[in-house]
Amino acid sequence: MALPDRYTGDDFYCDVAIPSAAQLDVVHDDELVLAYHHTRPFWATHLVVVPKRHIDSFTSVTECDEADVRQLFAVVQRLAREVTEREGAAAVLTNLGRYQDSKHLHVHVHSGPQRDHT
């Protein structure tokens, strides 16, 4: 399955990224979490970390999500540390509500200047 040029659904991660991980520039892949270089980066360094099991968002996490979220944040922590060591700074971001384009919990680890998307 090739990655689509444009995606119009509401869960890019379940529909495209996780089933097509071989098509991505993956930096971490285990039974619970996938992390990769963003397909359309907004910053010079832009990684996305996502649980493989569907969780709607940060605000919908429940006790049954504990193992997935623990592993998600362990991967985010490691990648943020690596980016900080390499780039001198990193930011960790998740979006909620109308800011969350894909309705699947995901965390961005980024650094450097914003890229122009015009």
PDB file of N, CA and C in Angstrom:
ATOM      1  N   MET A   1       0.853  -1.187   0.000  1.00  0.00           N
ATOM      2  CA  MET A   1       0.000   0.000   0.000  1.00  0.00           C
ATOM      3  C   MET A   1       0.890   1.238   0.000  1.00  0.00           C
ATOM      4  N   ALA A   2       0.762   2.091  -0.993  1.00  0.00           N
ATOM      5  CA  ALA A   2       1.519   3.337  -1.066  1.00  0.00           C
ATOM      6  C   ALA A   2       0.794   4.421  -0.275  1.00  0.00           C
ATOM      7  N   LEU A   3       1.563   5.355   0.260  1.00  0.00           N
ATOM      8  CA  LEU A   3       0.950   6.465   0.990  1.00  0.00           C
ATOM      9  C   LEU A   3       0.208   7.374   0.015  1.00  0.00           C
ATOM     10  N   PRO A   4      -0.984   7.828   0.367  1.00  0.00           N
ATOM     11  CA  PRO A   4      -1.739   8.709  -0.530  1.00  0.00           C
ATOM     12  C   PRO A   4      -1.123  10.105  -0.557  1.00  0.00           C
ATOM     13  N   ASP A   5      -1.254  10.795  -1.708  1.00  0.00           N
ATOM     14  CA  ASP A   5      -0.789  12.186  -1.800  1.00  0.00           C
ATOM     15  C   ASP A   5      -1.603  13.079  -0.879  1.00  0.00           C
ATOM     16  N   ARG A   6      -2.893  12.844  -0.841  1.00  0.00           N
ATOM     17  CA  ARG A   6      -3.812  13.588   0.027  1.00  0.00           C
ATOM     18  C   ARG A   6      -4.678  12.584   0.767  1.00  0.00           C
ATOM     19  N   TYR A   7      -4.879  12.841   2.055  1.00  0.00           N
ATOM     20  CA  TYR A   7      -5.730  11.963   2.860  1.00  0.00           C
ATOM     21  C   TYR A   7      -6.913  12.783   3.330  1.00  0.00           C
ATOM     22  N   THR A   8      -8.122  12.265   3.161  1.00  0.00           N
ATOM     23  CA  THR A   8      -9.314  13.029   3.509  1.00  0.00           C
ATOM     24  C   THR A   8     -10.121  12.408   4.647  1.00  0.00           C
ATOM     25  N   GLY A   9      -9.619  11.325   5.229  1.00  0.00           N
ATOM     26  CA  GLY A   9     -10.319  10.688   6.342  1.00  0.00           C
ATOM     27  C   GLY A   9     -10.052  11.409   7.654  1.00  0.00           C
ATOM     28  N   ASP A  10     -10.404  10.758   8.771  1.00  0.00           N
ATOM     29  CA  ASP A  10     -10.200  11.409  10.065  1.00  0.00           C
ATOM     30  C   ASP A  10      -9.250  10.655  10.987  1.00  0.00           C
ATOM     31  N   ASP A  11      -8.645   9.536  10.526  1.00  0.00           N
ATOM     32  CA  ASP A  11      -7.671   8.811  11.335  1.00  0.00           C
ATOM     33  C   ASP A  11      -6.547   8.309  10.434  1.00  0.00           C
ATOM     34  N   PHE A  12      -5.654   9.203  10.083  1.00  0.00           N
ATOM     35  CA  PHE A  12      -4.521   8.883   9.214  1.00  0.00           C
ATOM     36  C   PHE A  12      -3.701   7.730   9.783  1.00  0.00           C
ATOM     37  N   TYR A  13      -3.583   7.651  11.094  1.00  0.00           N
ATOM     38  CA  TYR A  13      -2.710   6.656  11.713  1.00  0.00           C
ATOM     39  C   TYR A  13      -3.265   5.244  11.571  1.00  0.00           C
ATOM     40  N   CYS A  14      -4.537   5.029  11.901  1.00  0.00           N
ATOM     41  CA  CYS A  14      -5.144   3.703  11.733  1.00  0.00           C
ATOM     42  C   CYS A  14      -5.317   3.337  10.260  1.00  0.00           C
ATOM     43  N   ASP A  15      -5.682   4.331   9.448  1.00  0.00           N
ATOM     44  CA  ASP A  15      -5.995   4.065   8.048  1.00  0.00           C
ATOM     45  C   ASP A  15      -4.766   3.937   7.156  1.00  0.00           C
ATOM     46  N   VAL A  16      -3.706   4.695   7.445  1.00  0.00           N
ATOM     47  CA  VAL A  16      -2.578   4.768   6.521  1.00  0.00           C
ATOM     48  C   VAL A  16      -1.238   4.448   7.186  1.00  0.00           C
ATOM     49  N   ALA A  17      -0.844   5.220   8.188  1.00  0.00           N
ATOM     50  CA  ALA A  17       0.529   5.135   8.718  1.00  0.00           C
ATOM     51  C   ALA A  17       0.854   3.765   9.309  1.00  0.00           C
ATOM     52  N   ILE A  18       0.029   3.278  10.230  1.00  0.00           N
ATOM     53  CA  ILE A  18       0.334   2.010  10.900  1.00  0.00           C
ATOM     54  C   ILE A  18       0.321   0.839   9.911  1.00  0.00           C
ATOM     55  N   PRO A  19      -0.702   0.719   9.045  1.00  0.00           N
ATOM     56  CA  PRO A  19      -0.677  -0.393   8.089  1.00  0.00           C
ATOM     57  C   PRO A  19       0.415  -0.262   7.022  1.00  0.00           C
ATOM     58  N   SER A  20       0.924   0.961   6.805  1.00  0.00           N
ATOM     59  CA  SER A  20       1.929   1.203   5.765  1.00  0.00           C
ATOM     60  C   SER A  20       3.266   1.631   6.350  1.00  0.00           C
ATOM     61  N   ALA A  21       3.604   1.166   7.539  1.00  0.00           N
ATOM     62  CA  ALA A  21       4.828   1.602   8.216  1.00  0.00           C
ATOM     63  C   ALA A  21       6.069   1.396   7.343  1.00  0.00           C
ATOM     64  N   ALA A  22       6.080   0.374   6.515  1.00  0.00           N
ATOM     65  CA  ALA A  22       7.238   0.124   5.648  1.00  0.00           C
ATOM     66  C   ALA A  22       7.467   1.265   4.653  1.00  0.00           C
ATOM     67  N   GLN A  23       6.445   2.060   4.413  1.00  0.00           N
ATOM     68  CA  GLN A  23       6.547   3.190   3.484  1.00  0.00           C
ATOM     69  C   GLN A  23       7.064   4.461   4.174  1.00  0.00           C
ATOM     70  N   LEU A  24       7.232   4.414   5.493  1.00  0.00           N
ATOM     71  CA  LEU A  24       7.618   5.583   6.282  1.00  0.00           C
ATOM     72  C   LEU A  24       9.094   5.519   6.655  1.00  0.00           C
ATOM     73  N   ASP A  25       9.638   6.665   7.066  1.00  0.00           N
ATOM     74  CA  ASP A  25      11.001   6.739   7.593  1.00  0.00           C
ATOM     75  C   ASP A  25      10.898   6.509   9.104  1.00  0.00           C
ATOM     76  N   VAL A  26      10.858   5.252   9.496  1.00  0.00           N
ATOM     77  CA  VAL A  26      10.567   4.834  10.872  1.00  0.00           C
ATOM     78  C   VAL A  26      11.808   4.993  11.758  1.00  0.00           C
ATOM     79  N   VAL A  27      11.593   5.538  12.963  1.00  0.00           N
ATOM     80  CA  VAL A  27      12.665   5.649  13.957  1.00  0.00           C
ATOM     81  C   VAL A  27      12.411   4.740  15.160  1.00  0.00           C
ATOM     82  N   HIS A  28      11.195   4.223  15.310  1.00  0.00           N
ATOM     83  CA  HIS A  28      10.872   3.283  16.375  1.00  0.00           C
ATOM     84  C   HIS A  28       9.633   2.501  15.959  1.00  0.00           C
ATOM     85  N   ASP A  29       9.663   1.189  16.197  1.00  0.00           N
ATOM     86  CA  ASP A  29       8.510   0.347  15.887  1.00  0.00           C
ATOM     87  C   ASP A  29       8.537  -0.848  16.830  1.00  0.00           C
ATOM     88  N   ASP A  30       7.528  -0.953  17.678  1.00  0.00           N
ATOM     89  CA  ASP A  30       7.387  -2.122  18.544  1.00  0.00           C
ATOM     90  C   ASP A  30       5.920  -2.533  18.536  1.00  0.00           C
ATOM     91  N   GLU A  31       5.535  -3.450  19.405  1.00  0.00           N
ATOM     92  CA  GLU A  31       4.156  -3.955  19.376  1.00  0.00           C
ATOM     93  C   GLU A  31       3.119  -2.912  19.777  1.00  0.00           C
ATOM     94  N   LEU A  32       3.534  -1.828  20.472  1.00  0.00           N
ATOM     95  CA  LEU A  32       2.578  -0.831  20.956  1.00  0.00           C
ATOM     96  C   LEU A  32       2.683   0.533  20.287  1.00  0.00           C
ATOM     97  N   VAL A  33       3.871   0.893  19.804  1.00  0.00           N
ATOM     98  CA  VAL A  33       4.121   2.272  19.372  1.00  0.00           C
ATOM     99  C   VAL A  33       4.896   2.309  18.058  1.00  0.00           C
ATOM    100  N   LEU A  34       4.522   3.274  17.221  1.00  0.00           N
ATOM    101  CA  LEU A  34       5.234   3.570  15.980  1.00  0.00           C
ATOM    102  C   LEU A  34       5.685   5.019  16.035  1.00  0.00           C
ATOM    103  N   ALA A  35       6.937   5.274  15.645  1.00  0.00           N
ATOM    104  CA  ALA A  35       7.450   6.645  15.552  1.00  0.00           C
ATOM    105  C   ALA A  35       8.186   6.781  14.231  1.00  0.00           C
ATOM    106  N   TYR A  36       7.985   7.913  13.571  1.00  0.00           N
ATOM    107  CA  TYR A  36       8.573   8.105  12.242  1.00  0.00           C
ATOM    108  C   TYR A  36       8.723   9.594  11.942  1.00  0.00           C
ATOM    109  N   HIS A  37       9.506   9.878  10.917  1.00  0.00           N
ATOM    110  CA  HIS A  37       9.637  11.245  10.440  1.00  0.00           C
ATOM    111  C   HIS A  37       8.328  11.626   9.750  1.00  0.00           C
ATOM    112  N   HIS A  38       7.782  12.774  10.126  1.00  0.00           N
ATOM    113  CA  HIS A  38       6.500  13.243   9.580  1.00  0.00           C
ATOM    114  C   HIS A  38       6.553  13.227   8.054  1.00  0.00           C
ATOM    115  N   THR A  39       5.460  12.848   7.428  1.00  0.00           N
ATOM    116  CA  THR A  39       5.414  12.763   5.963  1.00  0.00           C
ATOM    117  C   THR A  39       5.367  14.134   5.299  1.00  0.00           C
ATOM    118  N   ARG A  40       4.893  15.136   6.029  1.00  0.00           N
ATOM    119  CA  ARG A  40       4.884  16.530   5.550  1.00  0.00           C
ATOM    120  C   ARG A  40       5.352  17.407   6.711  1.00  0.00           C
ATOM    121  N   PRO A  41       6.665  17.408   6.993  1.00  0.00           N
ATOM    122  CA  PRO A  41       7.170  18.068   8.208  1.00  0.00           C
ATOM    123  C   PRO A  41       6.899  19.565   8.252  1.00  0.00           C
ATOM    124  N   PHE A  42       6.546  20.029   9.450  1.00  0.00           N
ATOM    125  CA  PHE A  42       6.320  21.446   9.689  1.00  0.00           C
ATOM    126  C   PHE A  42       7.560  22.115  10.271  1.00  0.00           C
ATOM    127  N   TRP A  43       8.509  21.322  10.759  1.00  0.00           N
ATOM    128  CA  TRP A  43       9.755  21.835  11.315  1.00  0.00           C
ATOM    129  C   TRP A  43      10.915  21.095  10.679  1.00  0.00           C
ATOM    130  N   ALA A  44      12.119  21.634  10.806  1.00  0.00           N
ATOM    131  CA  ALA A  44      13.309  21.001  10.216  1.00  0.00           C
ATOM    132  C   ALA A  44      13.458  19.558  10.689  1.00  0.00           C
ATOM    133  N   THR A  45      13.261  19.311  11.970  1.00  0.00           N
ATOM    134  CA  THR A  45      13.179  17.962  12.521  1.00  0.00           C
ATOM    135  C   THR A  45      11.758  17.789  13.029  1.00  0.00           C
ATOM    136  N   HIS A  46      11.062  16.766  12.543  1.00  0.00           N
ATOM    137  CA  HIS A  46       9.654  16.592  12.918  1.00  0.00           C
ATOM    138  C   HIS A  46       9.325  15.102  12.942  1.00  0.00           C
ATOM    139  N   LEU A  47       9.214  14.576  14.155  1.00  0.00           N
ATOM    140  CA  LEU A  47       8.864  13.173  14.356  1.00  0.00           C
ATOM    141  C   LEU A  47       7.440  13.068  14.879  1.00  0.00           C
ATOM    142  N   VAL A  48       6.787  11.959  14.567  1.00  0.00           N
ATOM    143  CA  VAL A  48       5.446  11.672  15.076  1.00  0.00           C
ATOM    144  C   VAL A  48       5.514  10.347  15.819  1.00  0.00           C
ATOM    145  N   VAL A  49       4.936  10.325  17.019  1.00  0.00           N
ATOM    146  CA  VAL A  49       4.903   9.110  17.837  1.00  0.00           C
ATOM    147  C   VAL A  49       3.440   8.785  18.103  1.00  0.00           C
ATOM    148  N   VAL A  50       3.039   7.547  17.792  1.00  0.00           N
ATOM    149  CA  VAL A  50       1.623   7.189  17.832  1.00  0.00           C
ATOM    150  C   VAL A  50       1.439   5.789  18.418  1.00  0.00           C
ATOM    151  N   PRO A  51       0.443   5.616  19.290  1.00  0.00           N
ATOM    152  CA  PRO A  51       0.146   4.250  19.736  1.00  0.00           C
ATOM    153  C   PRO A  51      -0.486   3.477  18.580  1.00  0.00           C
ATOM    154  N   LYS A  52      -0.162   2.209  18.474  1.00  0.00           N
ATOM    155  CA  LYS A  52      -0.727   1.401  17.384  1.00  0.00           C
ATOM    156  C   LYS A  52      -2.195   1.060  17.627  1.00  0.00           C
ATOM    157  N   ARG A  53      -2.571   0.965  18.884  1.00  0.00           N
ATOM    158  CA  ARG A  53      -3.985   0.733  19.201  1.00  0.00           C
ATOM    159  C   ARG A  53      -4.684   2.082  19.208  1.00  0.00           C
ATOM    160  N   HIS A  54      -5.857   2.151  18.643  1.00  0.00           N
ATOM    161  CA  HIS A  54      -6.567   3.430  18.547  1.00  0.00           C
ATOM    162  C   HIS A  54      -6.931   3.973  19.929  1.00  0.00           C
ATOM    163  N   ILE A  55      -6.493   5.203  20.173  1.00  0.00           N
ATOM    164  CA  ILE A  55      -6.905   6.002  21.332  1.00  0.00           C
ATOM    165  C   ILE A  55      -7.258   7.355  20.747  1.00  0.00           C
ATOM    166  N   ASP A  56      -8.440   7.860  21.024  1.00  0.00           N
ATOM    167  CA  ASP A  56      -8.912   9.088  20.379  1.00  0.00           C
ATOM    168  C   ASP A  56      -7.983  10.277  20.566  1.00  0.00           C
ATOM    169  N   SER A  57      -7.620  10.588  21.806  1.00  0.00           N
ATOM    170  CA  SER A  57      -6.798  11.766  22.071  1.00  0.00           C
ATOM    171  C   SER A  57      -6.234  11.688  23.487  1.00  0.00           C
ATOM    172  N   PHE A  58      -5.395  12.631  23.818  1.00  0.00           N
ATOM    173  CA  PHE A  58      -4.802  12.719  25.145  1.00  0.00           C
ATOM    174  C   PHE A  58      -5.881  12.806  26.230  1.00  0.00           C
ATOM    175  N   THR A  59      -6.965  13.519  25.952  1.00  0.00           N
ATOM    176  CA  THR A  59      -8.008  13.713  26.954  1.00  0.00           C
ATOM    177  C   THR A  59      -8.953  12.521  27.084  1.00  0.00           C
ATOM    178  N   SER A  60      -8.845  11.552  26.194  1.00  0.00           N
ATOM    179  CA  SER A  60      -9.718  10.376  26.291  1.00  0.00           C
ATOM    180  C   SER A  60      -9.003   9.155  26.869  1.00  0.00           C
ATOM    181  N   VAL A  61      -7.746   9.302  27.264  1.00  0.00           N
ATOM    182  CA  VAL A  61      -6.989   8.186  27.824  1.00  0.00           C
ATOM    183  C   VAL A  61      -7.669   7.682  29.102  1.00  0.00           C
ATOM    184  N   THR A  62      -7.785   6.357  29.225  1.00  0.00           N
ATOM    185  CA  THR A  62      -8.366   5.734  30.410  1.00  0.00           C
ATOM    186  C   THR A  62      -7.377   4.723  30.986  1.00  0.00           C
ATOM    187  N   GLU A  63      -7.736   4.127  32.107  1.00  0.00           N
ATOM    188  CA  GLU A  63      -6.870   3.132  32.744  1.00  0.00           C
ATOM    189  C   GLU A  63      -6.551   1.964  31.817  1.00  0.00           C
ATOM    190  N   CYS A  64      -7.474   1.589  30.959  1.00  0.00           N
ATOM    191  CA  CYS A  64      -7.214   0.459  30.061  1.00  0.00           C
ATOM    192  C   CYS A  64      -6.158   0.788  29.003  1.00  0.00           C
ATOM    193  N   ASP A  65      -5.809   2.053  28.870  1.00  0.00           N
ATOM    194  CA  ASP A  65      -4.790   2.491  27.911  1.00  0.00           C
ATOM    195  C   ASP A  65      -3.402   2.597  28.543  1.00  0.00           C
ATOM    196  N   GLU A  66      -3.283   2.215  29.810  1.00  0.00           N
ATOM    197  CA  GLU A  66      -2.058   2.478  30.566  1.00  0.00           C
ATOM    198  C   GLU A  66      -0.797   1.939  29.890  1.00  0.00           C
ATOM    199  N   ALA A  67      -0.788   0.691  29.466  1.00  0.00           N
ATOM    200  CA  ALA A  67       0.419   0.116  28.862  1.00  0.00           C
ATOM    201  C   ALA A  67       0.801   0.858  27.586  1.00  0.00           C
ATOM    202  N   ASP A  68      -0.184   1.170  26.764  1.00  0.00           N
ATOM    203  CA  ASP A  68       0.077   1.874  25.507  1.00  0.00           C
ATOM    204  C   ASP A  68       0.640   3.277  25.761  1.00  0.00           C
ATOM    205  N   VAL A  69       0.042   3.980  26.709  1.00  0.00           N
ATOM    206  CA  VAL A  69       0.456   5.360  26.986  1.00  0.00           C
ATOM    207  C   VAL A  69       1.815   5.391  27.679  1.00  0.00           C
ATOM    208  N   ARG A  70       2.072   4.439  28.560  1.00  0.00           N
ATOM    209  CA  ARG A  70       3.407   4.365  29.185  1.00  0.00           C
ATOM    210  C   ARG A  70       4.482   4.180  28.112  1.00  0.00           C
ATOM    211  N   GLN A  71       4.231   3.272  27.188  1.00  0.00           N
ATOM    212  CA  GLN A  71       5.211   3.031  26.128  1.00  0.00           C
ATOM    213  C   GLN A  71       5.308   4.235  25.190  1.00  0.00           C
ATOM    214  N   LEU A  72       4.176   4.842  24.875  1.00  0.00           N
ATOM    215  CA  LEU A  72       4.178   6.046  24.033  1.00  0.00           C
ATOM    216  C   LEU A  72       5.082   7.107  24.641  1.00  0.00           C
ATOM    217  N   PHE A  73       4.903   7.398  25.932  1.00  0.00           N
ATOM    218  CA  PHE A  73       5.694   8.454  26.562  1.00  0.00           C
ATOM    219  C   PHE A  73       7.143   8.044  26.777  1.00  0.00           C
ATOM    220  N   ALA A  74       7.425   6.767  26.935  1.00  0.00           N
ATOM    221  CA  ALA A  74       8.820   6.324  27.005  1.00  0.00           C
ATOM    222  C   ALA A  74       9.529   6.590  25.682  1.00  0.00           C
ATOM    223  N   VAL A  75       8.835   6.319  24.574  1.00  0.00           N
ATOM    224  CA  VAL A  75       9.410   6.576  23.253  1.00  0.00           C
ATOM    225  C   VAL A  75       9.543   8.081  23.018  1.00  0.00           C
ATOM    226  N   VAL A  76       8.517   8.852  23.368  1.00  0.00           N
ATOM    227  CA  VAL A  76       8.584  10.320  23.228  1.00  0.00           C
ATOM    228  C   VAL A  76       9.775  10.848  24.027  1.00  0.00           C
ATOM    229  N   GLN A  77       9.941  10.387  25.254  1.00  0.00           N
ATOM    230  CA  GLN A  77      11.039  10.856  26.097  1.00  0.00           C
ATOM    231  C   GLN A  77      12.399  10.557  25.456  1.00  0.00           C
ATOM    232  N   ARG A  78      12.576   9.334  24.983  1.00  0.00           N
ATOM    233  CA  ARG A  78      13.850   8.953  24.354  1.00  0.00           C
ATOM    234  C   ARG A  78      14.127   9.783  23.112  1.00  0.00           C
ATOM    235  N   LEU A  79      13.117   9.932  22.256  1.00  0.00           N
ATOM    236  CA  LEU A  79      13.312  10.695  21.022  1.00  0.00           C
ATOM    237  C   LEU A  79      13.551  12.174  21.310  1.00  0.00           C
ATOM    238  N   ALA A  80      12.825  12.735  22.277  1.00  0.00           N
ATOM    239  CA  ALA A  80      13.030  14.141  22.642  1.00  0.00           C
ATOM    240  C   ALA A  80      14.447  14.350  23.181  1.00  0.00           C
ATOM    241  N   ARG A  81      14.925  13.408  23.974  1.00  0.00           N
ATOM    242  CA  ARG A  81      16.294  13.490  24.489  1.00  0.00           C
ATOM    243  C   ARG A  81      17.293  13.448  23.330  1.00  0.00           C
ATOM    244  N   GLU A  82      17.108  12.522  22.395  1.00  0.00           N
ATOM    245  CA  GLU A  82      18.010  12.405  21.246  1.00  0.00           C
ATOM    246  C   GLU A  82      17.995  13.659  20.388  1.00  0.00           C
ATOM    247  N   VAL A  83      16.809  14.197  20.121  1.00  0.00           N
ATOM    248  CA  VAL A  83      16.704  15.419  19.312  1.00  0.00           C
ATOM    249  C   VAL A  83      17.370  16.588  20.043  1.00  0.00           C
ATOM    250  N   THR A  84      17.145  16.703  21.343  1.00  0.00           N
ATOM    251  CA  THR A  84      17.758  17.779  22.128  1.00  0.00           C
ATOM    252  C   THR A  84      19.281  17.666  22.098  1.00  0.00           C
ATOM    253  N   GLU A  85      19.794  16.464  22.260  1.00  0.00           N
ATOM    254  CA  GLU A  85      21.245  16.278  22.224  1.00  0.00           C
ATOM    255  C   GLU A  85      21.822  16.642  20.857  1.00  0.00           C
ATOM    256  N   ARG A  86      21.122  16.290  19.800  1.00  0.00           N
ATOM    257  CA  ARG A  86      21.597  16.535  18.437  1.00  0.00           C
ATOM    258  C   ARG A  86      21.389  17.981  17.996  1.00  0.00           C
ATOM    259  N   GLU A  87      20.216  18.566  18.320  1.00  0.00           N
ATOM    260  CA  GLU A  87      19.832  19.881  17.804  1.00  0.00           C
ATOM    261  C   GLU A  87      19.986  21.004  18.817  1.00  0.00           C
ATOM    262  N   GLY A  88      20.131  20.664  20.093  1.00  0.00           N
ATOM    263  CA  GLY A  88      20.249  21.677  21.138  1.00  0.00           C
ATOM    264  C   GLY A  88      18.925  22.071  21.754  1.00  0.00           C
ATOM    265  N   ALA A  89      17.808  21.628  21.162  1.00  0.00           N
ATOM    266  CA  ALA A  89      16.469  21.949  21.681  1.00  0.00           C
ATOM    267  C   ALA A  89      15.461  21.021  21.026  1.00  0.00           C
ATOM    268  N   ALA A  90      14.352  20.828  21.724  1.00  0.00           N
ATOM    269  CA  ALA A  90      13.247  20.055  21.165  1.00  0.00           C
ATOM    270  C   ALA A  90      11.959  20.523  21.828  1.00  0.00           C
ATOM    271  N   ALA A  91      10.857  20.331  21.138  1.00  0.00           N
ATOM    272  CA  ALA A  91       9.531  20.601  21.689  1.00  0.00           C
ATOM    273  C   ALA A  91       8.700  19.339  21.524  1.00  0.00           C
ATOM    274  N   VAL A  92       7.781  19.130  22.471  1.00  0.00           N
ATOM    275  CA  VAL A  92       6.869  17.993  22.449  1.00  0.00           C
ATOM    276  C   VAL A  92       5.464  18.574  22.425  1.00  0.00           C
ATOM    277  N   LEU A  93       4.639  18.105  21.483  1.00  0.00           N
ATOM    278  CA  LEU A  93       3.334  18.716  21.250  1.00  0.00           C
ATOM    279  C   LEU A  93       2.299  17.649  20.929  1.00  0.00           C
ATOM    280  N   THR A  94       1.099  17.808  21.494  1.00  0.00           N
ATOM    281  CA  THR A  94      -0.048  17.041  21.032  1.00  0.00           C
ATOM    282  C   THR A  94      -1.189  18.034  20.849  1.00  0.00           C
ATOM    283  N   ASN A  95      -2.074  17.742  19.926  1.00  0.00           N
ATOM    284  CA  ASN A  95      -3.188  18.633  19.617  1.00  0.00           C
ATOM    285  C   ASN A  95      -4.493  18.026  20.107  1.00  0.00           C
ATOM    286  N   LEU A  96      -5.457  18.894  20.407  1.00  0.00           N
ATOM    287  CA  LEU A  96      -6.758  18.470  20.910  1.00  0.00           C
ATOM    288  C   LEU A  96      -7.867  19.223  20.184  1.00  0.00           C
ATOM    289  N   GLY A  97      -9.065  18.645  20.230  1.00  0.00           N
ATOM    290  CA  GLY A  97     -10.232  19.322  19.650  1.00  0.00           C
ATOM    291  C   GLY A  97     -10.033  19.632  18.176  1.00  0.00           C
ATOM    292  N   ARG A  98     -10.423  20.815  17.765  1.00  0.00           N
ATOM    293  CA  ARG A  98     -10.323  21.165  16.335  1.00  0.00           C
ATOM    294  C   ARG A  98      -8.882  21.330  15.868  1.00  0.00           C
ATOM    295  N   TYR A  99      -7.927  21.414  16.796  1.00  0.00           N
ATOM    296  CA  TYR A  99      -6.507  21.442  16.415  1.00  0.00           C
ATOM    297  C   TYR A  99      -6.004  20.062  16.008  1.00  0.00           C
ATOM    298  N   GLN A 100      -6.736  19.018  16.375  1.00  0.00           N
ATOM    299  CA  GLN A 100      -6.314  17.644  16.125  1.00  0.00           C
ATOM    300  C   GLN A 100      -6.895  17.160  14.801  1.00  0.00           C
ATOM    301  N   ASP A 101      -6.110  17.272  13.732  1.00  0.00           N
ATOM    302  CA  ASP A 101      -6.576  16.866  12.401  1.00  0.00           C
ATOM    303  C   ASP A 101      -6.907  15.378  12.337  1.00  0.00           C
ATOM    304  N   SER A 102      -6.035  14.546  12.891  1.00  0.00           N
ATOM    305  CA  SER A 102      -6.276  13.111  12.903  1.00  0.00           C
ATOM    306  C   SER A 102      -6.759  12.716  14.293  1.00  0.00           C
ATOM    307  N   LYS A 103      -7.924  12.134  14.356  1.00  0.00           N
ATOM    308  CA  LYS A 103      -8.562  11.803  15.636  1.00  0.00           C
ATOM    309  C   LYS A 103      -8.009  10.495  16.207  1.00  0.00           C
ATOM    310  N   HIS A 104      -6.710  10.503  16.440  1.00  0.00           N
ATOM    311  CA  HIS A 104      -5.969   9.376  17.015  1.00  0.00           C
ATOM    312  C   HIS A 104      -4.831  10.026  17.791  1.00  0.00           C
ATOM    313  N   LEU A 105      -4.685   9.678  19.055  1.00  0.00           N
ATOM    314  CA  LEU A 105      -3.626  10.249  19.873  1.00  0.00           C
ATOM    315  C   LEU A 105      -2.290  10.148  19.153  1.00  0.00           C
ATOM    316  N   HIS A 106      -1.593  11.262  19.068  1.00  0.00           N
ATOM    317  CA  HIS A 106      -0.249  11.276  18.508  1.00  0.00           C
ATOM    318  C   HIS A 106       0.507  12.451  19.102  1.00  0.00           C
ATOM    319  N   VAL A 107       1.823  12.295  19.170  1.00  0.00           N
ATOM    320  CA  VAL A 107       2.680  13.308  19.765  1.00  0.00           C
ATOM    321  C   VAL A 107       3.747  13.692  18.753  1.00  0.00           C
ATOM    322  N   HIS A 108       3.953  14.996  18.606  1.00  0.00           N
ATOM    323  CA  HIS A 108       5.003  15.512  17.733  1.00  0.00           C
ATOM    324  C   HIS A 108       6.228  15.835  18.574  1.00  0.00           C
ATOM    325  N   VAL A 109       7.392  15.433  18.106  1.00  0.00           N
ATOM    326  CA  VAL A 109       8.668  15.841  18.684  1.00  0.00           C
ATOM    327  C   VAL A 109       9.351  16.627  17.574  1.00  0.00           C
ATOM    328  N   HIS A 110       9.626  17.911  17.850  1.00  0.00           N
ATOM    329  CA  HIS A 110      10.178  18.727  16.764  1.00  0.00           C
ATOM    330  C   HIS A 110      11.252  19.675  17.244  1.00  0.00           C
ATOM    331  N   SER A 111      12.020  20.171  16.261  1.00  0.00           N
ATOM    332  CA  SER A 111      13.093  21.107  16.542  1.00  0.00           C
ATOM    333  C   SER A 111      13.422  21.868  15.263  1.00  0.00           C
ATOM    334  N   GLY A 112      13.989  23.032  15.447  1.00  0.00           N
ATOM    335  CA  GLY A 112      14.440  23.815  14.304  1.00  0.00           C
ATOM    336  C   GLY A 112      13.369  24.729  13.762  1.00  0.00           C
ATOM    337  N   PRO A 113      13.711  25.447  12.695  1.00  0.00           N
ATOM    338  CA  PRO A 113      12.769  26.411  12.128  1.00  0.00           C
ATOM    339  C   PRO A 113      11.575  25.735  11.463  1.00  0.00           C
ATOM    340  N   GLN A 114      10.461  26.462  11.446  1.00  0.00           N
ATOM    341  CA  GLN A 114       9.275  25.963  10.757  1.00  0.00           C
ATOM    342  C   GLN A 114       9.526  25.976   9.258  1.00  0.00           C
ATOM    343  N   ARG A 115       8.955  24.995   8.579  1.00  0.00           N
ATOM    344  CA  ARG A 115       9.067  24.906   7.122  1.00  0.00           C
ATOM    345  C   ARG A 115       7.883  25.618   6.491  1.00  0.00           C
ATOM    346  N   ASP A 116       8.112  26.142   5.330  1.00  0.00           N
ATOM    347  CA  ASP A 116       7.075  26.830   4.568  1.00  0.00           C
ATOM    348  C   ASP A 116       6.230  25.791   3.835  1.00  0.00           C
ATOM    349  N   HIS A 117       4.899  25.838   4.015  1.00  0.00           N
ATOM    350  CA  HIS A 117       3.988  24.900   3.346  1.00  0.00           C
ATOM    351  C   HIS A 117       3.122  25.578   2.312  1.00  0.00           C
ATOM    352  N   THR A 118       3.571  26.665   1.749  1.00  0.00           N
ATOM    353  CA  THR A 118       2.755  27.344   0.750  1.00  0.00           C
ATOM    354  C   THR A 118       2.940  26.770  -0.618  1.00  0.00           C
TER     355      THR A 118
END
